[in-house]
């Protein structure tokens, strides 16, 4: 992300925290960041898109920190697993994002509620994958149930504490998460021994893949917008890349090596332009949709 866009995001974050989401206007953000309206709309199409960029940046930081924690470590180590879960809370606290998350959660805005849904499914999917590593292959049919129950335990314990179950200063996530994982040990062992599951992997797959099929439609719209811009500017290489990716989303004919090569070249070609961040994010999403389709769950139109 370029320095100027980061400056806008950080300024907007401070304004949202000080004034609240509803009361904040685009002009407030312009004033805080010291930029023109044109500069703002080069980066974002709306106030909400700027807000979601703040939350997405925090999400990406959480993912990066989680990966670093696991480097060179035993993937079955529950202490590392707990630290990875706690990392998300640390990022949110450092950036003072909890009030923003609450406002987004209770918003009636369709785009923001869709973002909350995607974040939730992404977290459940990540937890389910880590439970497979922590508890072994025999746990796979029960990992979706385990992930949902783990999140439920943590959310409700935290909610109880928040409304007065214990003094705030005597409680933290470093206590909560290991406690919840210890309880999950018993639940996972019981489900595995008895073969008892409620949700199962298929439901999580269905929800995740359906969500990514919707993502594919959004990606195609974004690619068509790029195509219009490149045709207007007579940017031949851009037209070539976008045309290939549009065809790939529709047909799914190319293998992973070809797709990886094209997306890497696409990003490199525009790495020093105003399109760099958007193209990088778009290419990552295309790769995800491609991988899901290869599992037979994300169909072409």
C-alpha atoms as a PDB file:
ATOM      1  CA  UNK A   1       0.000   0.000   0.000  1.00  0.00           C
ATOM      2  CA  UNK A   2       1.424   3.399  -0.936  1.00  0.00           C
ATOM      3  CA  UNK A   3       2.250   5.914   1.774  1.00  0.00           C
ATOM      4  CA  UNK A   4      -0.412   8.432   0.819  1.00  0.00           C
ATOM      5  CA  UNK A   5      -3.248   5.911   0.890  1.00  0.00           C
ATOM      6  CA  UNK A   6      -2.036   4.668   4.276  1.00  0.00           C
ATOM      7  CA  UNK A   7      -2.109   8.267   5.543  1.00  0.00           C
ATOM      8  CA  UNK A   8      -5.741   8.611   4.453  1.00  0.00           C
ATOM      9  CA  UNK A   9      -6.718   5.331   6.129  1.00  0.00           C
ATOM     10  CA  UNK A  10      -5.050   6.245   9.425  1.00  0.00           C
ATOM     11  CA  UNK A  11      -6.628   9.716   9.410  1.00  0.00           C
ATOM     12  CA  UNK A  12     -10.055   8.220   8.657  1.00  0.00           C
ATOM     13  CA  UNK A  13      -9.649   5.690  11.440  1.00  0.00           C
ATOM     14  CA  UNK A  14      -9.009   8.479  13.968  1.00  0.00           C
ATOM     15  CA  UNK A  15     -12.066  10.418  12.762  1.00  0.00           C
ATOM     16  CA  UNK A  16     -14.315   7.346  12.927  1.00  0.00           C
ATOM     17  CA  UNK A  17     -13.151   6.693  16.485  1.00  0.00           C
ATOM     18  CA  UNK A  18     -13.656  10.300  17.588  1.00  0.00           C
ATOM     19  CA  UNK A  19     -16.965  11.101  15.868  1.00  0.00           C
ATOM     20  CA  UNK A  20     -18.526   7.707  15.224  1.00  0.00           C
ATOM     21  CA  UNK A  21     -19.281   6.149  11.861  1.00  0.00           C
ATOM     22  CA  UNK A  22     -22.650   7.784  11.219  1.00  0.00           C
ATOM     23  CA  UNK A  23     -21.543  11.287  12.206  1.00  0.00           C
ATOM     24  CA  UNK A  24     -18.349  11.136  10.135  1.00  0.00           C
ATOM     25  CA  UNK A  25     -18.513  12.654   6.654  1.00  0.00           C
ATOM     26  CA  UNK A  26     -16.116  12.355   3.742  1.00  0.00           C
ATOM     27  CA  UNK A  27     -15.262  16.027   4.299  1.00  0.00           C
ATOM     28  CA  UNK A  28     -14.197  15.204   7.878  1.00  0.00           C
ATOM     29  CA  UNK A  29     -11.777  12.630   6.481  1.00  0.00           C
ATOM     30  CA  UNK A  30     -10.473  15.062   3.858  1.00  0.00           C
ATOM     31  CA  UNK A  31      -9.799  17.664   6.525  1.00  0.00           C
ATOM     32  CA  UNK A  32      -8.061  15.212   8.852  1.00  0.00           C
ATOM     33  CA  UNK A  33      -5.904  13.758   6.078  1.00  0.00           C
ATOM     34  CA  UNK A  34      -5.205  17.107   4.413  1.00  0.00           C
ATOM     35  CA  UNK A  35      -6.200  15.857   0.972  1.00  0.00           C
ATOM     36  CA  UNK A  36      -8.572  16.878  -1.800  1.00  0.00           C
ATOM     37  CA  UNK A  37     -11.842  15.153  -2.633  1.00  0.00           C
ATOM     38  CA  UNK A  38     -10.322  13.935  -5.889  1.00  0.00           C
ATOM     39  CA  UNK A  39      -7.478  12.228  -4.049  1.00  0.00           C
ATOM     40  CA  UNK A  40      -9.922  10.489  -1.704  1.00  0.00           C
ATOM     41  CA  UNK A  41     -11.999   9.150  -4.585  1.00  0.00           C
ATOM     42  CA  UNK A  42      -8.864   7.880  -6.309  1.00  0.00           C
ATOM     43  CA  UNK A  43      -8.619   5.406  -3.441  1.00  0.00           C
ATOM     44  CA  UNK A  44     -12.207   4.857  -2.306  1.00  0.00           C
ATOM     45  CA  UNK A  45     -15.643   5.091  -3.877  1.00  0.00           C
ATOM     46  CA  UNK A  46     -17.376   5.943  -0.588  1.00  0.00           C
ATOM     47  CA  UNK A  47     -16.987   6.502   3.135  1.00  0.00           C
ATOM     48  CA  UNK A  48     -18.022   2.901   3.752  1.00  0.00           C
ATOM     49  CA  UNK A  49     -15.343   1.566   1.434  1.00  0.00           C
ATOM     50  CA  UNK A  50     -12.761   3.567   3.370  1.00  0.00           C
ATOM     51  CA  UNK A  51     -14.123   2.139   6.620  1.00  0.00           C
ATOM     52  CA  UNK A  52     -13.919  -1.418   5.315  1.00  0.00           C
ATOM     53  CA  UNK A  53     -10.348  -0.772   4.139  1.00  0.00           C
ATOM     54  CA  UNK A  54      -9.459   0.033   7.759  1.00  0.00           C
ATOM     55  CA  UNK A  55     -10.901  -3.274   8.952  1.00  0.00           C
ATOM     56  CA  UNK A  56      -9.359  -5.218   6.069  1.00  0.00           C
ATOM     57  CA  UNK A  57      -5.943  -3.761   6.869  1.00  0.00           C
ATOM     58  CA  UNK A  58      -6.298  -4.981  10.458  1.00  0.00           C
ATOM     59  CA  UNK A  59      -7.389  -8.390   9.187  1.00  0.00           C
ATOM     60  CA  UNK A  60      -4.322  -8.660   6.943  1.00  0.00           C
ATOM     61  CA  UNK A  61      -2.061  -7.702   9.832  1.00  0.00           C
ATOM     62  CA  UNK A  62      -3.649 -10.407  11.997  1.00  0.00           C
ATOM     63  CA  UNK A  63      -3.083 -12.994   9.268  1.00  0.00           C
ATOM     64  CA  UNK A  64       0.568 -11.953   8.908  1.00  0.00           C
ATOM     65  CA  UNK A  65       1.203 -12.143  12.653  1.00  0.00           C
ATOM     66  CA  UNK A  66      -0.486 -15.532  12.890  1.00  0.00           C
ATOM     67  CA  UNK A  67       1.722 -16.916  10.138  1.00  0.00           C
ATOM     68  CA  UNK A  68       4.874 -15.587  11.794  1.00  0.00           C
ATOM     69  CA  UNK A  69       3.920 -17.255  15.081  1.00  0.00           C
ATOM     70  CA  UNK A  70       3.768 -20.626  13.345  1.00  0.00           C
ATOM     71  CA  UNK A  71       7.087 -20.359  11.476  1.00  0.00           C
ATOM     72  CA  UNK A  72       9.392 -23.181  12.572  1.00  0.00           C
ATOM     73  CA  UNK A  73       6.937 -24.302  15.257  1.00  0.00           C
ATOM     74  CA  UNK A  74       5.085 -27.550  15.876  1.00  0.00           C
ATOM     75  CA  UNK A  75       1.695 -27.056  14.191  1.00  0.00           C
ATOM     76  CA  UNK A  76       0.038 -29.270  16.825  1.00  0.00           C
ATOM     77  CA  UNK A  77       1.237 -27.055  19.702  1.00  0.00           C
ATOM     78  CA  UNK A  78      -1.891 -25.737  21.429  1.00  0.00           C
ATOM     79  CA  UNK A  79       0.050 -22.918  23.088  1.00  0.00           C
ATOM     80  CA  UNK A  80       0.965 -21.559  19.645  1.00  0.00           C
ATOM     81  CA  UNK A  81      -2.622 -22.086  18.493  1.00  0.00           C
ATOM     82  CA  UNK A  82      -3.882 -20.053  21.467  1.00  0.00           C
ATOM     83  CA  UNK A  83      -1.371 -17.285  20.753  1.00  0.00           C
ATOM     84  CA  UNK A  84      -2.581 -17.132  17.150  1.00  0.00           C
ATOM     85  CA  UNK A  85      -6.192 -16.670  18.282  1.00  0.00           C
ATOM     86  CA  UNK A  86      -5.211 -14.003  20.816  1.00  0.00           C
ATOM     87  CA  UNK A  87      -3.331 -12.105  18.085  1.00  0.00           C
ATOM     88  CA  UNK A  88      -6.607 -10.920  16.513  1.00  0.00           C
ATOM     89  CA  UNK A  89      -7.683  -9.347  19.821  1.00  0.00           C
ATOM     90  CA  UNK A  90      -4.289  -7.667  20.183  1.00  0.00           C
ATOM     91  CA  UNK A  91      -4.505  -6.076  16.726  1.00  0.00           C
ATOM     92  CA  UNK A  92      -8.043  -4.832  17.391  1.00  0.00           C
ATOM     93  CA  UNK A  93      -6.990  -3.320  20.725  1.00  0.00           C
ATOM     94  CA  UNK A  94      -3.850  -1.695  19.330  1.00  0.00           C
ATOM     95  CA  UNK A  95      -5.893  -0.024  16.599  1.00  0.00           C
ATOM     96  CA  UNK A  96      -8.840   0.690  18.906  1.00  0.00           C
ATOM     97  CA  UNK A  97     -11.182  -0.994  16.437  1.00  0.00           C
ATOM     98  CA  UNK A  98     -13.776  -2.512  18.780  1.00  0.00           C
ATOM     99  CA  UNK A  99     -16.167   0.484  18.559  1.00  0.00           C
ATOM    100  CA  UNK A 100     -15.873   0.376  14.774  1.00  0.00           C
ATOM    101  CA  UNK A 101     -16.571  -3.372  14.662  1.00  0.00           C
ATOM    102  CA  UNK A 102     -19.647  -2.889  16.832  1.00  0.00           C
ATOM    103  CA  UNK A 103     -20.972  -0.108  14.602  1.00  0.00           C
ATOM    104  CA  UNK A 104     -20.415  -2.221  11.486  1.00  0.00           C
ATOM    105  CA  UNK A 105     -22.069  -5.262  13.085  1.00  0.00           C
ATOM    106  CA  UNK A 106     -25.236  -3.352  13.963  1.00  0.00           C
ATOM    107  CA  UNK A 107     -25.313  -1.421  10.701  1.00  0.00           C
ATOM    108  CA  UNK A 108     -28.157  -1.888   8.241  1.00  0.00           C
ATOM    109  CA  UNK A 109     -25.775  -1.227   5.357  1.00  0.00           C
ATOM    110  CA  UNK A 110     -25.743  -4.271   3.063  1.00  0.00           C
ATOM    111  CA  UNK A 111     -22.081  -3.931   2.098  1.00  0.00           C
ATOM    112  CA  UNK A 112     -20.901  -3.697   5.699  1.00  0.00           C
ATOM    113  CA  UNK A 113     -23.052  -6.611   6.862  1.00  0.00           C
ATOM    114  CA  UNK A 114     -21.678  -8.670   3.986  1.00  0.00           C
ATOM    115  CA  UNK A 115     -18.171  -7.810   5.184  1.00  0.00           C
ATOM    116  CA  UNK A 116     -19.016  -9.010   8.721  1.00  0.00           C
ATOM    117  CA  UNK A 117     -20.365 -12.275   7.303  1.00  0.00           C
ATOM    118  CA  UNK A 118     -17.223 -12.856   5.245  1.00  0.00           C
ATOM    119  CA  UNK A 119     -14.978 -12.107   8.201  1.00  0.00           C
ATOM    120  CA  UNK A 120     -16.897 -14.564  10.372  1.00  0.00           C
ATOM    121  CA  UNK A 121     -16.815 -17.363   7.782  1.00  0.00           C
ATOM    122  CA  UNK A 122     -13.135 -16.719   7.142  1.00  0.00           C
ATOM    123  CA  UNK A 123     -12.360 -17.038  10.867  1.00  0.00           C
ATOM    124  CA  UNK A 124     -14.407 -20.246  11.217  1.00  0.00           C
ATOM    125  CA  UNK A 125     -12.694 -21.690   8.144  1.00  0.00           C
ATOM    126  CA  UNK A 126      -9.235 -20.811   9.511  1.00  0.00           C
ATOM    127  CA  UNK A 127     -10.057 -22.304  12.917  1.00  0.00           C
ATOM    128  CA  UNK A 128     -11.402 -25.461  11.302  1.00  0.00           C
ATOM    129  CA  UNK A 129      -8.169 -25.879   9.346  1.00  0.00           C
ATOM    130  CA  UNK A 130      -6.036 -25.359  12.434  1.00  0.00           C
ATOM    131  CA  UNK A 131      -8.141 -27.837  14.439  1.00  0.00           C
ATOM    132  CA  UNK A 132      -7.337 -30.442  11.804  1.00  0.00           C
ATOM    133  CA  UNK A 133      -3.625 -29.811  12.399  1.00  0.00           C
ATOM    134  CA  UNK A 134      -3.959 -29.722  16.192  1.00  0.00           C
ATOM    135  CA  UNK A 135      -6.224 -32.758  16.660  1.00  0.00           C
ATOM    136  CA  UNK A 136      -5.194 -34.871  13.678  1.00  0.00           C
ATOM    137  CA  UNK A 137      -6.893 -36.368  10.573  1.00  0.00           C
ATOM    138  CA  UNK A 138      -9.501 -38.273  12.574  1.00  0.00           C
ATOM    139  CA  UNK A 139     -10.938 -34.957  13.753  1.00  0.00           C
ATOM    140  CA  UNK A 140     -11.758 -33.671  10.254  1.00  0.00           C
ATOM    141  CA  UNK A 141     -15.534 -34.490  10.258  1.00  0.00           C
ATOM    142  CA  UNK A 142     -15.923 -32.570  13.550  1.00  0.00           C
ATOM    143  CA  UNK A 143     -13.718 -29.523  12.992  1.00  0.00           C
ATOM    144  CA  UNK A 144     -16.486 -27.216  11.765  1.00  0.00           C
ATOM    145  CA  UNK A 145     -18.534 -28.021  14.866  1.00  0.00           C
ATOM    146  CA  UNK A 146     -15.458 -27.515  17.020  1.00  0.00           C
ATOM    147  CA  UNK A 147     -14.603 -24.169  15.420  1.00  0.00           C
ATOM    148  CA  UNK A 148     -18.145 -22.812  15.906  1.00  0.00           C
ATOM    149  CA  UNK A 149     -18.261 -24.014  19.521  1.00  0.00           C
ATOM    150  CA  UNK A 150     -14.839 -22.518  20.268  1.00  0.00           C
ATOM    151  CA  UNK A 151     -15.902 -19.115  18.929  1.00  0.00           C
ATOM    152  CA  UNK A 152     -19.209 -19.397  20.794  1.00  0.00           C
ATOM    153  CA  UNK A 153     -17.496 -20.169  24.092  1.00  0.00           C
ATOM    154  CA  UNK A 154     -15.097 -17.263  23.757  1.00  0.00           C
ATOM    155  CA  UNK A 155     -17.786 -14.789  22.697  1.00  0.00           C
ATOM    156  CA  UNK A 156     -20.194 -15.662  25.492  1.00  0.00           C
ATOM    157  CA  UNK A 157     -17.535 -15.747  28.210  1.00  0.00           C
ATOM    158  CA  UNK A 158     -16.296 -12.353  27.052  1.00  0.00           C
ATOM    159  CA  UNK A 159     -19.863 -11.015  26.958  1.00  0.00           C
ATOM    160  CA  UNK A 160     -20.511 -12.246  30.505  1.00  0.00           C
ATOM    161  CA  UNK A 161     -17.328 -10.588  31.751  1.00  0.00           C
ATOM    162  CA  UNK A 162     -18.198  -7.373  29.927  1.00  0.00           C
ATOM    163  CA  UNK A 163     -21.568  -7.008  31.646  1.00  0.00           C
ATOM    164  CA  UNK A 164     -20.041  -7.460  35.093  1.00  0.00           C
ATOM    165  CA  UNK A 165     -19.071 -11.050  35.725  1.00  0.00           C
ATOM    166  CA  UNK A 166     -15.532 -10.057  36.740  1.00  0.00           C
ATOM    167  CA  UNK A 167     -13.452  -6.934  37.096  1.00  0.00           C
ATOM    168  CA  UNK A 168     -12.125  -5.868  33.693  1.00  0.00           C
ATOM    169  CA  UNK A 169      -8.504  -5.525  34.833  1.00  0.00           C
ATOM    170  CA  UNK A 170      -8.401  -9.069  36.239  1.00  0.00           C
ATOM    171  CA  UNK A 171      -9.426 -10.732  32.972  1.00  0.00           C
ATOM    172  CA  UNK A 172      -7.871 -10.947  29.524  1.00  0.00           C
ATOM    173  CA  UNK A 173      -7.799 -13.037  26.348  1.00  0.00           C
ATOM    174  CA  UNK A 174      -4.596 -14.771  27.461  1.00  0.00           C
ATOM    175  CA  UNK A 175      -6.758 -16.439  30.134  1.00  0.00           C
ATOM    176  CA  UNK A 176      -9.883 -16.911  28.066  1.00  0.00           C
ATOM    177  CA  UNK A 177      -8.445 -18.591  24.958  1.00  0.00           C
ATOM    178  CA  UNK A 178      -6.405 -21.386  26.645  1.00  0.00           C
ATOM    179  CA  UNK A 179      -9.383 -22.099  28.931  1.00  0.00           C
ATOM    180  CA  UNK A 180     -11.701 -22.417  25.919  1.00  0.00           C
ATOM    181  CA  UNK A 181      -9.198 -24.677  24.111  1.00  0.00           C
ATOM    182  CA  UNK A 182      -8.970 -26.958  27.164  1.00  0.00           C
ATOM    183  CA  UNK A 183     -12.757 -27.296  27.124  1.00  0.00           C
ATOM    184  CA  UNK A 184     -12.610 -27.962  23.398  1.00  0.00           C
ATOM    185  CA  UNK A 185     -10.198 -30.859  24.058  1.00  0.00           C
ATOM    186  CA  UNK A 186     -13.017 -32.735  25.789  1.00  0.00           C
ATOM    187  CA  UNK A 187     -15.594 -31.802  23.156  1.00  0.00           C
ATOM    188  CA  UNK A 188     -13.409 -32.917  20.233  1.00  0.00           C
ATOM    189  CA  UNK A 189     -12.511 -36.192  21.972  1.00  0.00           C
ATOM    190  CA  UNK A 190     -16.185 -36.870  22.694  1.00  0.00           C
ATOM    191  CA  UNK A 191     -17.340 -36.150  19.145  1.00  0.00           C
ATOM    192  CA  UNK A 192     -14.543 -38.226  17.626  1.00  0.00           C
ATOM    193  CA  UNK A 193     -15.185 -41.196  19.923  1.00  0.00           C
ATOM    194  CA  UNK A 194     -18.944 -41.211  19.414  1.00  0.00           C
ATOM    195  CA  UNK A 195     -19.084 -40.067  15.787  1.00  0.00           C
ATOM    196  CA  UNK A 196     -21.513 -37.360  16.866  1.00  0.00           C
ATOM    197  CA  UNK A 197     -21.611 -34.163  14.811  1.00  0.00           C
ATOM    198  CA  UNK A 198     -24.249 -31.516  14.169  1.00  0.00           C
ATOM    199  CA  UNK A 199     -22.943 -29.196  11.449  1.00  0.00           C
ATOM    200  CA  UNK A 200     -20.193 -31.129   9.759  1.00  0.00           C
ATOM    201  CA  UNK A 201     -17.614 -30.101   7.183  1.00  0.00           C
ATOM    202  CA  UNK A 202     -20.099 -30.072   4.284  1.00  0.00           C
ATOM    203  CA  UNK A 203     -22.068 -27.131   5.688  1.00  0.00           C
ATOM    204  CA  UNK A 204     -18.941 -25.034   6.234  1.00  0.00           C
ATOM    205  CA  UNK A 205     -17.782 -25.866   2.703  1.00  0.00           C
ATOM    206  CA  UNK A 206     -21.166 -24.902   1.296  1.00  0.00           C
ATOM    207  CA  UNK A 207     -21.241 -21.553   3.106  1.00  0.00           C
ATOM    208  CA  UNK A 208     -17.641 -20.724   2.255  1.00  0.00           C
ATOM    209  CA  UNK A 209     -17.867 -21.721  -1.386  1.00  0.00           C
ATOM    210  CA  UNK A 210     -21.215 -20.016  -1.919  1.00  0.00           C
ATOM    211  CA  UNK A 211     -19.688 -16.850  -0.532  1.00  0.00           C
ATOM    212  CA  UNK A 212     -16.762 -17.170  -2.924  1.00  0.00           C
ATOM    213  CA  UNK A 213     -19.088 -17.748  -5.864  1.00  0.00           C
ATOM    214  CA  UNK A 214     -20.575 -14.342  -5.001  1.00  0.00           C
ATOM    215  CA  UNK A 215     -17.016 -13.031  -4.801  1.00  0.00           C
ATOM    216  CA  UNK A 216     -16.425 -14.276  -8.347  1.00  0.00           C
ATOM    217  CA  UNK A 217     -19.260 -12.107  -9.613  1.00  0.00           C
ATOM    218  CA  UNK A 218     -17.766  -9.073  -7.871  1.00  0.00           C
ATOM    219  CA  UNK A 219     -14.340  -9.849  -9.343  1.00  0.00           C
ATOM    220  CA  UNK A 220     -15.763 -10.040 -12.843  1.00  0.00           C
ATOM    221  CA  UNK A 221     -17.382  -6.647 -12.366  1.00  0.00           C
ATOM    222  CA  UNK A 222     -14.082  -5.168 -11.169  1.00  0.00           C
ATOM    223  CA  UNK A 223     -12.229  -6.694 -14.106  1.00  0.00           C
ATOM    224  CA  UNK A 224     -14.729  -5.199 -16.556  1.00  0.00           C
ATOM    225  CA  UNK A 225     -14.172  -1.799 -14.930  1.00  0.00           C
ATOM    226  CA  UNK A 226     -10.410  -2.207 -15.415  1.00  0.00           C
ATOM    227  CA  UNK A 227     -10.999  -3.250 -19.008  1.00  0.00           C
ATOM    228  CA  UNK A 228     -12.961  -0.048 -19.681  1.00  0.00           C
ATOM    229  CA  UNK A 229     -10.173   2.059 -18.170  1.00  0.00           C
ATOM    230  CA  UNK A 230      -7.449   0.270 -20.112  1.00  0.00           C
ATOM    231  CA  UNK A 231      -9.374   0.488 -23.381  1.00  0.00           C
ATOM    232  CA  UNK A 232      -9.856   4.209 -22.810  1.00  0.00           C
ATOM    233  CA  UNK A 233      -6.133   4.669 -22.110  1.00  0.00           C
ATOM    234  CA  UNK A 234      -5.138   2.231 -24.866  1.00  0.00           C
ATOM    235  CA  UNK A 235      -3.174   0.215 -22.328  1.00  0.00           C
ATOM    236  CA  UNK A 236      -2.585  -2.901 -24.434  1.00  0.00           C
ATOM    237  CA  UNK A 237      -0.873  -5.048 -21.782  1.00  0.00           C
ATOM    238  CA  UNK A 238      -3.624  -4.239 -19.293  1.00  0.00           C
ATOM    239  CA  UNK A 239      -6.276  -5.222 -21.835  1.00  0.00           C
ATOM    240  CA  UNK A 240      -4.435  -8.480 -22.476  1.00  0.00           C
ATOM    241  CA  UNK A 241      -4.198  -9.402 -18.790  1.00  0.00           C
ATOM    242  CA  UNK A 242      -7.798  -8.486 -17.961  1.00  0.00           C
ATOM    243  CA  UNK A 243      -9.205 -10.313 -20.986  1.00  0.00           C
ATOM    244  CA  UNK A 244      -7.360 -13.481 -19.954  1.00  0.00           C
ATOM    245  CA  UNK A 245      -8.564 -13.257 -16.337  1.00  0.00           C
ATOM    246  CA  UNK A 246     -12.173 -12.643 -17.354  1.00  0.00           C
ATOM    247  CA  UNK A 247     -12.061 -15.708 -19.569  1.00  0.00           C
ATOM    248  CA  UNK A 248     -10.420 -17.710 -16.817  1.00  0.00           C
ATOM    249  CA  UNK A 249     -13.151 -16.868 -14.296  1.00  0.00           C
ATOM    250  CA  UNK A 250     -15.789 -17.994 -16.791  1.00  0.00           C
ATOM    251  CA  UNK A 251     -14.145 -21.154 -18.151  1.00  0.00           C
ATOM    252  CA  UNK A 252     -11.598 -22.229 -15.542  1.00  0.00           C
ATOM    253  CA  UNK A 253      -9.480 -23.782 -18.306  1.00  0.00           C
ATOM    254  CA  UNK A 254      -6.007 -22.698 -17.164  1.00  0.00           C
ATOM    255  CA  UNK A 255      -3.916 -24.618 -14.688  1.00  0.00           C
ATOM    256  CA  UNK A 256      -2.574 -23.087 -11.448  1.00  0.00           C
ATOM    257  CA  UNK A 257       0.919 -22.502 -12.904  1.00  0.00           C
ATOM    258  CA  UNK A 258      -0.382 -20.431 -15.821  1.00  0.00           C
ATOM    259  CA  UNK A 259      -2.750 -18.450 -13.598  1.00  0.00           C
ATOM    260  CA  UNK A 260      -0.006 -17.731 -11.072  1.00  0.00           C
ATOM    261  CA  UNK A 261       2.313 -16.551 -13.844  1.00  0.00           C
ATOM    262  CA  UNK A 262      -0.287 -14.234 -15.390  1.00  0.00           C
ATOM    263  CA  UNK A 263      -1.396 -12.686 -12.097  1.00  0.00           C
ATOM    264  CA  UNK A 264       2.232 -12.135 -11.043  1.00  0.00           C
ATOM    265  CA  UNK A 265       2.994 -10.418 -14.360  1.00  0.00           C
ATOM    266  CA  UNK A 266      -0.192  -8.347 -14.099  1.00  0.00           C
ATOM    267  CA  UNK A 267       0.783  -7.105 -10.640  1.00  0.00           C
ATOM    268  CA  UNK A 268       4.372  -6.409 -11.669  1.00  0.00           C
ATOM    269  CA  UNK A 269       3.331  -4.431 -14.750  1.00  0.00           C
ATOM    270  CA  UNK A 270       1.205  -2.043 -12.651  1.00  0.00           C
ATOM    271  CA  UNK A 271       3.283  -2.131  -9.431  1.00  0.00           C
ATOM    272  CA  UNK A 272       4.241   1.551  -9.651  1.00  0.00           C
ATOM    273  CA  UNK A 273       0.811   2.872 -10.626  1.00  0.00           C
ATOM    274  CA  UNK A 274      -2.298   4.005  -8.768  1.00  0.00           C
ATOM    275  CA  UNK A 275      -3.846   0.616  -9.615  1.00  0.00           C
ATOM    276  CA  UNK A 276      -1.210  -1.405  -7.735  1.00  0.00           C
ATOM    277  CA  UNK A 277      -3.086  -2.117  -4.491  1.00  0.00           C
ATOM    278  CA  UNK A 278      -6.409  -2.919  -6.159  1.00  0.00           C
ATOM    279  CA  UNK A 279      -4.811  -5.231  -8.717  1.00  0.00           C
ATOM    280  CA  UNK A 280      -2.814  -7.064  -6.045  1.00  0.00           C
ATOM    281  CA  UNK A 281      -5.922  -7.700  -3.949  1.00  0.00           C
ATOM    282  CA  UNK A 282      -7.953  -8.681  -7.008  1.00  0.00           C
ATOM    283  CA  UNK A 283      -5.350 -11.220  -8.147  1.00  0.00           C
ATOM    284  CA  UNK A 284      -5.242 -12.838  -4.711  1.00  0.00           C
ATOM    285  CA  UNK A 285      -9.034 -13.209  -4.724  1.00  0.00           C
ATOM    286  CA  UNK A 286      -9.005 -14.705  -8.214  1.00  0.00           C
ATOM    287  CA  UNK A 287      -6.522 -17.326  -7.032  1.00  0.00           C
ATOM    288  CA  UNK A 288      -8.797 -18.255  -4.111  1.00  0.00           C
ATOM    289  CA  UNK A 289     -11.850 -18.620  -6.360  1.00  0.00           C
ATOM    290  CA  UNK A 290      -9.803 -20.719  -8.794  1.00  0.00           C
ATOM    291  CA  UNK A 291      -8.664 -23.068  -6.017  1.00  0.00           C
ATOM    292  CA  UNK A 292     -12.202 -23.476  -4.718  1.00  0.00           C
ATOM    293  CA  UNK A 293     -13.550 -24.215  -8.184  1.00  0.00           C
ATOM    294  CA  UNK A 294     -10.921 -26.941  -8.641  1.00  0.00           C
ATOM    295  CA  UNK A 295     -12.447 -28.663  -5.606  1.00  0.00           C
ATOM    296  CA  UNK A 296     -15.661 -28.896  -7.586  1.00  0.00           C
ATOM    297  CA  UNK A 297     -17.648 -26.436  -5.522  1.00  0.00           C
ATOM    298  CA  UNK A 298     -17.424 -23.152  -7.396  1.00  0.00           C
ATOM    299  CA  UNK A 299     -18.934 -23.479 -10.843  1.00  0.00           C
ATOM    300  CA  UNK A 300     -18.428 -21.421 -13.978  1.00  0.00           C
ATOM    301  CA  UNK A 301     -21.264 -19.388 -15.446  1.00  0.00           C
END
